[in-house]
């Protein structure tokens, strides 16, 4: 694999949530989805699916522990990764 993946504060927050609210291989799977989402060379359809999986995790496992504004910020960040804007 070529290149480096740089993690923003939002990425680090998501990774922390993956590790805190999941077990077994799920944190690694979600981190892999985040890295796929950040890879602008990945097909857009795959990046959208990765975003949906992470958003599903946020709303199904983490929502009660986070404020609505935190969820909004993280989901907006994920959408930004998909669109590249």
PDB file of N, CA and C in Angstrom:
ATOM      1  N   UNK A   1       0.844  -1.162   0.000  1.00  0.00           N
ATOM      2  CA  UNK A   1       0.000   0.000   0.000  1.00  0.00           C
ATOM      3  C   UNK A   1       0.899   1.238   0.000  1.00  0.00           C
ATOM      4  N   UNK A   2       0.631   2.138  -0.889  1.00  0.00           N
ATOM      5  CA  UNK A   2       1.421   3.361  -0.981  1.00  0.00           C
ATOM      6  C   UNK A   2       0.691   4.509  -0.315  1.00  0.00           C
ATOM      7  N   UNK A   3       1.461   5.476   0.147  1.00  0.00           N
ATOM      8  CA  UNK A   3       0.870   6.672   0.727  1.00  0.00           C
ATOM      9  C   UNK A   3       0.696   6.564   2.225  1.00  0.00           C
ATOM     10  N   UNK A   4       0.373   7.698   2.781  1.00  0.00           N
ATOM     11  CA  UNK A   4       0.149   7.787   4.213  1.00  0.00           C
ATOM     12  C   UNK A   4      -1.281   8.226   4.456  1.00  0.00           C
ATOM     13  N   UNK A   5      -1.841   7.720   5.515  1.00  0.00           N
ATOM     14  CA  UNK A   5      -3.165   8.169   5.921  1.00  0.00           C
ATOM     15  C   UNK A   5      -2.964   9.121   7.083  1.00  0.00           C
ATOM     16  N   UNK A   6      -3.504  10.313   6.928  1.00  0.00           N
ATOM     17  CA  UNK A   6      -3.412  11.315   7.978  1.00  0.00           C
ATOM     18  C   UNK A   6      -4.769  11.391   8.666  1.00  0.00           C
ATOM     19  N   UNK A   7      -4.748  11.394   9.979  1.00  0.00           N
ATOM     20  CA  UNK A   7      -5.980  11.406  10.746  1.00  0.00           C
ATOM     21  C   UNK A   7      -6.267  12.795  11.307  1.00  0.00           C
ATOM     22  N   UNK A   8      -7.455  13.283  10.995  1.00  0.00           N
ATOM     23  CA  UNK A   8      -7.911  14.562  11.538  1.00  0.00           C
ATOM     24  C   UNK A   8      -8.443  14.326  12.955  1.00  0.00           C
ATOM     25  N   UNK A   9      -8.819  15.399  13.620  1.00  0.00           N
ATOM     26  CA  UNK A   9      -9.414  15.263  14.951  1.00  0.00           C
ATOM     27  C   UNK A   9     -10.711  14.449  14.881  1.00  0.00           C
ATOM     28  N   UNK A  10     -11.483  14.657  13.805  1.00  0.00           N
ATOM     29  CA  UNK A  10     -12.724  13.895  13.642  1.00  0.00           C
ATOM     30  C   UNK A  10     -12.427  12.412  13.464  1.00  0.00           C
ATOM     31  N   UNK A  11     -11.394  12.095  12.671  1.00  0.00           N
ATOM     32  CA  UNK A  11     -11.001  10.692  12.481  1.00  0.00           C
ATOM     33  C   UNK A  11     -10.620  10.057  13.815  1.00  0.00           C
ATOM     34  N   UNK A  12      -9.832  10.780  14.579  1.00  0.00           N
ATOM     35  CA  UNK A  12      -9.388  10.258  15.877  1.00  0.00           C
ATOM     36  C   UNK A  12     -10.573  10.042  16.813  1.00  0.00           C
ATOM     37  N   UNK A  13     -11.541  10.944  16.772  1.00  0.00           N
ATOM     38  CA  UNK A  13     -12.742  10.794  17.593  1.00  0.00           C
ATOM     39  C   UNK A  13     -13.524   9.559  17.156  1.00  0.00           C
ATOM     40  N   UNK A  14     -13.680   9.374  15.853  1.00  0.00           N
ATOM     41  CA  UNK A  14     -14.397   8.196  15.360  1.00  0.00           C
ATOM     42  C   UNK A  14     -13.683   6.906  15.767  1.00  0.00           C
ATOM     43  N   UNK A  15     -12.376   6.862  15.610  1.00  0.00           N
ATOM     44  CA  UNK A  15     -11.605   5.671  15.983  1.00  0.00           C
ATOM     45  C   UNK A  15     -11.765   5.382  17.471  1.00  0.00           C
ATOM     46  N   UNK A  16     -11.742   6.421  18.275  1.00  0.00           N
ATOM     47  CA  UNK A  16     -11.946   6.255  19.716  1.00  0.00           C
ATOM     48  C   UNK A  16     -13.326   5.666  20.007  1.00  0.00           C
ATOM     49  N   UNK A  17     -14.344   6.139  19.301  1.00  0.00           N
ATOM     50  CA  UNK A  17     -15.694   5.612  19.482  1.00  0.00           C
ATOM     51  C   UNK A  17     -15.782   4.158  19.026  1.00  0.00           C
ATOM     52  N   UNK A  18     -15.116   3.830  17.913  1.00  0.00           N
ATOM     53  CA  UNK A  18     -15.098   2.441  17.430  1.00  0.00           C
ATOM     54  C   UNK A  18     -14.556   1.534  18.529  1.00  0.00           C
ATOM     55  N   UNK A  19     -13.447   1.958  19.127  1.00  0.00           N
ATOM     56  CA  UNK A  19     -12.785   1.138  20.144  1.00  0.00           C
ATOM     57  C   UNK A  19     -13.586   1.056  21.442  1.00  0.00           C
ATOM     58  N   UNK A  20     -14.289   2.126  21.770  1.00  0.00           N
ATOM     59  CA  UNK A  20     -15.036   2.166  23.030  1.00  0.00           C
ATOM     60  C   UNK A  20     -16.359   1.402  22.963  1.00  0.00           C
ATOM     61  N   UNK A  21     -17.025   1.444  21.810  1.00  0.00           N
ATOM     62  CA  UNK A  21     -18.378   0.912  21.719  1.00  0.00           C
ATOM     63  C   UNK A  21     -18.516  -0.382  20.917  1.00  0.00           C
ATOM     64  N   UNK A  22     -17.409  -0.992  20.525  1.00  0.00           N
ATOM     65  CA  UNK A  22     -17.485  -2.266  19.813  1.00  0.00           C
ATOM     66  C   UNK A  22     -16.469  -3.239  20.397  1.00  0.00           C
ATOM     67  N   UNK A  23     -16.610  -4.490  19.995  1.00  0.00           N
ATOM     68  CA  UNK A  23     -15.723  -5.537  20.502  1.00  0.00           C
ATOM     69  C   UNK A  23     -15.233  -6.400  19.345  1.00  0.00           C
ATOM     70  N   UNK A  24     -14.255  -7.227  19.659  1.00  0.00           N
ATOM     71  CA  UNK A  24     -13.750  -8.192  18.685  1.00  0.00           C
ATOM     72  C   UNK A  24     -13.122  -7.510  17.491  1.00  0.00           C
ATOM     73  N   UNK A  25     -13.525  -7.943  16.308  1.00  0.00           N
ATOM     74  CA  UNK A  25     -12.960  -7.405  15.074  1.00  0.00           C
ATOM     75  C   UNK A  25     -13.693  -6.163  14.571  1.00  0.00           C
ATOM     76  N   UNK A  26     -14.818  -5.849  15.185  1.00  0.00           N
ATOM     77  CA  UNK A  26     -15.613  -4.718  14.701  1.00  0.00           C
ATOM     78  C   UNK A  26     -14.861  -3.386  14.712  1.00  0.00           C
ATOM     79  N   UNK A  27     -14.058  -3.052  15.730  1.00  0.00           N
ATOM     80  CA  UNK A  27     -13.324  -1.779  15.657  1.00  0.00           C
ATOM     81  C   UNK A  27     -12.395  -1.717  14.438  1.00  0.00           C
ATOM     82  N   UNK A  28     -11.738  -2.823  14.130  1.00  0.00           N
ATOM     83  CA  UNK A  28     -10.841  -2.846  12.964  1.00  0.00           C
ATOM     84  C   UNK A  28     -11.634  -2.726  11.667  1.00  0.00           C
ATOM     85  N   UNK A  29     -12.803  -3.363  11.620  1.00  0.00           N
ATOM     86  CA  UNK A  29     -13.634  -3.284  10.431  1.00  0.00           C
ATOM     87  C   UNK A  29     -14.102  -1.846  10.204  1.00  0.00           C
ATOM     88  N   UNK A  30     -14.560  -1.191  11.261  1.00  0.00           N
ATOM     89  CA  UNK A  30     -15.014   0.193  11.130  1.00  0.00           C
ATOM     90  C   UNK A  30     -13.866   1.125  10.768  1.00  0.00           C
ATOM     91  N   UNK A  31     -12.699   0.885  11.332  1.00  0.00           N
ATOM     92  CA  UNK A  31     -11.530   1.706  10.981  1.00  0.00           C
ATOM     93  C   UNK A  31     -11.179   1.503   9.507  1.00  0.00           C
ATOM     94  N   UNK A  32     -11.283   0.283   9.031  1.00  0.00           N
ATOM     95  CA  UNK A  32     -11.049  -0.009   7.627  1.00  0.00           C
ATOM     96  C   UNK A  32     -12.056   0.746   6.748  1.00  0.00           C
ATOM     97  N   UNK A  33     -13.309   0.813   7.189  1.00  0.00           N
ATOM     98  CA  UNK A  33     -14.324   1.560   6.453  1.00  0.00           C
ATOM     99  C   UNK A  33     -13.974   3.049   6.413  1.00  0.00           C
ATOM    100  N   UNK A  34     -13.468   3.573   7.522  1.00  0.00           N
ATOM    101  CA  UNK A  34     -13.060   4.974   7.572  1.00  0.00           C
ATOM    102  C   UNK A  34     -11.902   5.225   6.611  1.00  0.00           C
ATOM    103  N   UNK A  35     -10.945   4.325   6.589  1.00  0.00           N
ATOM    104  CA  UNK A  35      -9.805   4.490   5.680  1.00  0.00           C
ATOM    105  C   UNK A  35     -10.243   4.398   4.224  1.00  0.00           C
ATOM    106  N   UNK A  36     -11.184   3.522   3.924  1.00  0.00           N
ATOM    107  CA  UNK A  36     -11.741   3.439   2.576  1.00  0.00           C
ATOM    108  C   UNK A  36     -12.435   4.744   2.217  1.00  0.00           C
ATOM    109  N   UNK A  37     -13.172   5.277   3.142  1.00  0.00           N
ATOM    110  CA  UNK A  37     -13.880   6.536   2.923  1.00  0.00           C
ATOM    111  C   UNK A  37     -12.911   7.683   2.668  1.00  0.00           C
ATOM    112  N   UNK A  38     -11.797   7.682   3.351  1.00  0.00           N
ATOM    113  CA  UNK A  38     -10.797   8.741   3.185  1.00  0.00           C
ATOM    114  C   UNK A  38      -9.992   8.602   1.891  1.00  0.00           C
ATOM    115  N   UNK A  39      -9.998   7.414   1.291  1.00  0.00           N
ATOM    116  CA  UNK A  39      -9.223   7.143   0.079  1.00  0.00           C
ATOM    117  C   UNK A  39      -9.982   7.670  -1.138  1.00  0.00           C
ATOM    118  N   UNK A  40      -9.566   8.819  -1.626  1.00  0.00           N
ATOM    119  CA  UNK A  40     -10.267   9.452  -2.738  1.00  0.00           C
ATOM    120  C   UNK A  40     -10.142   8.674  -4.038  1.00  0.00           C
ATOM    121  N   UNK A  41      -9.263   7.686  -4.088  1.00  0.00           N
ATOM    122  CA  UNK A  41      -9.141   6.867  -5.299  1.00  0.00           C
ATOM    123  C   UNK A  41     -10.117   5.692  -5.296  1.00  0.00           C
ATOM    124  N   UNK A  42     -10.778   5.454  -4.168  1.00  0.00           N
ATOM    125  CA  UNK A  42     -11.789   4.390  -4.100  1.00  0.00           C
ATOM    126  C   UNK A  42     -13.028   4.834  -4.854  1.00  0.00           C
ATOM    127  N   UNK A  43     -13.735   3.872  -5.461  1.00  0.00           N
ATOM    128  CA  UNK A  43     -14.969   4.232  -6.166  1.00  0.00           C
ATOM    129  C   UNK A  43     -15.970   4.907  -5.228  1.00  0.00           C
ATOM    130  N   UNK A  44     -16.700   5.871  -5.759  1.00  0.00           N
ATOM    131  CA  UNK A  44     -17.643   6.628  -4.943  1.00  0.00           C
ATOM    132  C   UNK A  44     -18.688   5.717  -4.300  1.00  0.00           C
ATOM    133  N   UNK A  45     -19.146   4.702  -5.010  1.00  0.00           N
ATOM    134  CA  UNK A  45     -20.154   3.790  -4.458  1.00  0.00           C
ATOM    135  C   UNK A  45     -19.622   3.085  -3.208  1.00  0.00           C
ATOM    136  N   UNK A  46     -18.360   2.670  -3.234  1.00  0.00           N
ATOM    137  CA  UNK A  46     -17.756   2.020  -2.067  1.00  0.00           C
ATOM    138  C   UNK A  46     -17.605   2.994  -0.915  1.00  0.00           C
ATOM    139  N   UNK A  47     -17.258   4.232  -1.242  1.00  0.00           N
ATOM    140  CA  UNK A  47     -17.108   5.238  -0.190  1.00  0.00           C
ATOM    141  C   UNK A  47     -18.459   5.568   0.438  1.00  0.00           C
ATOM    142  N   UNK A  48     -19.520   5.608  -0.368  1.00  0.00           N
ATOM    143  CA  UNK A  48     -20.862   5.862   0.178  1.00  0.00           C
ATOM    144  C   UNK A  48     -21.288   4.726   1.103  1.00  0.00           C
ATOM    145  N   UNK A  49     -20.996   3.491   0.711  1.00  0.00           N
ATOM    146  CA  UNK A  49     -21.332   2.347   1.554  1.00  0.00           C
ATOM    147  C   UNK A  49     -20.565   2.409   2.871  1.00  0.00           C
ATOM    148  N   UNK A  50     -19.291   2.765   2.807  1.00  0.00           N
ATOM    149  CA  UNK A  50     -18.476   2.897   4.017  1.00  0.00           C
ATOM    150  C   UNK A  50     -19.078   3.966   4.933  1.00  0.00           C
ATOM    151  N   UNK A  51     -19.497   5.077   4.354  1.00  0.00           N
ATOM    152  CA  UNK A  51     -20.118   6.148   5.144  1.00  0.00           C
ATOM    153  C   UNK A  51     -21.393   5.645   5.813  1.00  0.00           C
ATOM    154  N   UNK A  52     -22.220   4.914   5.071  1.00  0.00           N
ATOM    155  CA  UNK A  52     -23.468   4.402   5.631  1.00  0.00           C
ATOM    156  C   UNK A  52     -23.207   3.458   6.795  1.00  0.00           C
ATOM    157  N   UNK A  53     -22.181   2.639   6.683  1.00  0.00           N
ATOM    158  CA  UNK A  53     -21.865   1.712   7.772  1.00  0.00           C
ATOM    159  C   UNK A  53     -21.427   2.462   9.031  1.00  0.00           C
ATOM    160  N   UNK A  54     -20.605   3.494   8.842  1.00  0.00           N
ATOM    161  CA  UNK A  54     -20.133   4.264   9.996  1.00  0.00           C
ATOM    162  C   UNK A  54     -21.281   5.060  10.619  1.00  0.00           C
ATOM    163  N   UNK A  55     -22.119   5.670   9.784  1.00  0.00           N
ATOM    164  CA  UNK A  55     -23.267   6.418  10.301  1.00  0.00           C
ATOM    165  C   UNK A  55     -24.208   5.471  11.041  1.00  0.00           C
ATOM    166  N   UNK A  56     -24.416   4.270  10.509  1.00  0.00           N
ATOM    167  CA  UNK A  56     -25.238   3.275  11.188  1.00  0.00           C
ATOM    168  C   UNK A  56     -24.686   2.943  12.558  1.00  0.00           C
ATOM    169  N   UNK A  57     -23.379   2.762  12.632  1.00  0.00           N
ATOM    170  CA  UNK A  57     -22.725   2.517  13.924  1.00  0.00           C
ATOM    171  C   UNK A  57     -22.994   3.680  14.878  1.00  0.00           C
ATOM    172  N   UNK A  58     -22.812   4.906  14.395  1.00  0.00           N
ATOM    173  CA  UNK A  58     -22.996   6.074  15.257  1.00  0.00           C
ATOM    174  C   UNK A  58     -24.415   6.136  15.817  1.00  0.00           C
ATOM    175  N   UNK A  59     -25.408   5.929  14.964  1.00  0.00           N
ATOM    176  CA  UNK A  59     -26.786   6.059  15.414  1.00  0.00           C
ATOM    177  C   UNK A  59     -27.274   4.845  16.195  1.00  0.00           C
ATOM    178  N   UNK A  60     -26.764   3.656  15.900  1.00  0.00           N
ATOM    179  CA  UNK A  60     -27.232   2.453  16.576  1.00  0.00           C
ATOM    180  C   UNK A  60     -26.505   2.153  17.883  1.00  0.00           C
ATOM    181  N   UNK A  61     -25.239   2.534  17.976  1.00  0.00           N
ATOM    182  CA  UNK A  61     -24.469   2.154  19.161  1.00  0.00           C
ATOM    183  C   UNK A  61     -23.997   3.329  20.013  1.00  0.00           C
ATOM    184  N   UNK A  62     -23.869   4.494  19.418  1.00  0.00           N
ATOM    185  CA  UNK A  62     -23.238   5.602  20.125  1.00  0.00           C
ATOM    186  C   UNK A  62     -24.196   6.757  20.418  1.00  0.00           C
ATOM    187  N   UNK A  63     -25.255   6.880  19.671  1.00  0.00           N
ATOM    188  CA  UNK A  63     -26.147   8.037  19.788  1.00  0.00           C
ATOM    189  C   UNK A  63     -26.559   8.378  21.218  1.00  0.00           C
ATOM    190  N   UNK A  64     -26.925   7.396  22.052  1.00  0.00           N
ATOM    191  CA  UNK A  64     -27.333   7.763  23.413  1.00  0.00           C
ATOM    192  C   UNK A  64     -26.223   8.431  24.233  1.00  0.00           C
ATOM    193  N   UNK A  65     -24.976   8.168  23.881  1.00  0.00           N
ATOM    194  CA  UNK A  65     -23.859   8.710  24.657  1.00  0.00           C
ATOM    195  C   UNK A  65     -23.353  10.051  24.119  1.00  0.00           C
ATOM    196  N   UNK A  66     -23.776  10.428  22.919  1.00  0.00           N
ATOM    197  CA  UNK A  66     -23.305  11.678  22.312  1.00  0.00           C
ATOM    198  C   UNK A  66     -24.443  12.681  22.216  1.00  0.00           C
ATOM    199  N   UNK A  67     -24.080  13.936  22.191  1.00  0.00           N
ATOM    200  CA  UNK A  67     -25.086  14.966  21.972  1.00  0.00           C
ATOM    201  C   UNK A  67     -25.486  14.959  20.500  1.00  0.00           C
ATOM    202  N   UNK A  68     -26.643  15.523  20.216  1.00  0.00           N
ATOM    203  CA  UNK A  68     -27.097  15.607  18.826  1.00  0.00           C
ATOM    204  C   UNK A  68     -26.126  16.436  17.999  1.00  0.00           C
ATOM    205  N   UNK A  69     -25.561  17.481  18.587  1.00  0.00           N
ATOM    206  CA  UNK A  69     -24.630  18.321  17.835  1.00  0.00           C
ATOM    207  C   UNK A  69     -23.364  17.543  17.469  1.00  0.00           C
ATOM    208  N   UNK A  70     -22.884  16.685  18.357  1.00  0.00           N
ATOM    209  CA  UNK A  70     -21.706  15.868  18.054  1.00  0.00           C
ATOM    210  C   UNK A  70     -22.011  14.895  16.918  1.00  0.00           C
ATOM    211  N   UNK A  71     -23.195  14.276  16.954  1.00  0.00           N
ATOM    212  CA  UNK A  71     -23.589  13.382  15.864  1.00  0.00           C
ATOM    213  C   UNK A  71     -23.678  14.137  14.548  1.00  0.00           C
ATOM    214  N   UNK A  72     -24.237  15.330  14.595  1.00  0.00           N
ATOM    215  CA  UNK A  72     -24.374  16.140  13.391  1.00  0.00           C
ATOM    216  C   UNK A  72     -23.010  16.492  12.814  1.00  0.00           C
ATOM    217  N   UNK A  73     -22.080  16.882  13.669  1.00  0.00           N
ATOM    218  CA  UNK A  73     -20.730  17.239  13.212  1.00  0.00           C
ATOM    219  C   UNK A  73     -20.044  16.031  12.580  1.00  0.00           C
ATOM    220  N   UNK A  74     -20.130  14.884  13.227  1.00  0.00           N
ATOM    221  CA  UNK A  74     -19.459  13.688  12.699  1.00  0.00           C
ATOM    222  C   UNK A  74     -20.096  13.209  11.400  1.00  0.00           C
ATOM    223  N   UNK A  75     -21.415  13.229  11.308  1.00  0.00           N
ATOM    224  CA  UNK A  75     -22.050  12.796  10.061  1.00  0.00           C
ATOM    225  C   UNK A  75     -21.785  13.787   8.932  1.00  0.00           C
ATOM    226  N   UNK A  76     -21.723  15.071   9.238  1.00  0.00           N
ATOM    227  CA  UNK A  76     -21.375  16.066   8.216  1.00  0.00           C
ATOM    228  C   UNK A  76     -19.940  15.853   7.740  1.00  0.00           C
ATOM    229  N   UNK A  77     -19.045  15.519   8.655  1.00  0.00           N
ATOM    230  CA  UNK A  77     -17.663  15.235   8.290  1.00  0.00           C
ATOM    231  C   UNK A  77     -17.599  14.030   7.356  1.00  0.00           C
ATOM    232  N   UNK A  78     -18.345  12.971   7.676  1.00  0.00           N
ATOM    233  CA  UNK A  78     -18.360  11.783   6.834  1.00  0.00           C
ATOM    234  C   UNK A  78     -18.898  12.100   5.440  1.00  0.00           C
ATOM    235  N   UNK A  79     -19.942  12.915   5.374  1.00  0.00           N
ATOM    236  CA  UNK A  79     -20.489  13.310   4.075  1.00  0.00           C
ATOM    237  C   UNK A  79     -19.456  14.103   3.281  1.00  0.00           C
ATOM    238  N   UNK A  80     -18.719  14.953   3.958  1.00  0.00           N
ATOM    239  CA  UNK A  80     -17.666  15.742   3.305  1.00  0.00           C
ATOM    240  C   UNK A  80     -16.605  14.815   2.690  1.00  0.00           C
ATOM    241  N   UNK A  81     -16.295  13.718   3.388  1.00  0.00           N
ATOM    242  CA  UNK A  81     -15.327  12.769   2.843  1.00  0.00           C
ATOM    243  C   UNK A  81     -15.845  12.115   1.564  1.00  0.00           C
ATOM    244  N   UNK A  82     -17.142  11.849   1.506  1.00  0.00           N
ATOM    245  CA  UNK A  82     -17.721  11.225   0.315  1.00  0.00           C
ATOM    246  C   UNK A  82     -17.682  12.191  -0.870  1.00  0.00           C
ATOM    247  N   UNK A  83     -18.081  13.429  -0.609  1.00  0.00           N
ATOM    248  CA  UNK A  83     -18.192  14.390  -1.696  1.00  0.00           C
ATOM    249  C   UNK A  83     -16.876  15.081  -2.034  1.00  0.00           C
ATOM    250  N   UNK A  84     -15.930  15.023  -1.099  1.00  0.00           N
ATOM    251  CA  UNK A  84     -14.646  15.665  -1.346  1.00  0.00           C
ATOM    252  C   UNK A  84     -14.674  17.168  -1.225  1.00  0.00           C
ATOM    253  N   UNK A  85     -15.750  17.695  -0.653  1.00  0.00           N
ATOM    254  CA  UNK A  85     -15.832  19.159  -0.515  1.00  0.00           C
ATOM    255  C   UNK A  85     -15.562  19.608   0.889  1.00  0.00           C
TER     256      UNK A  85
END
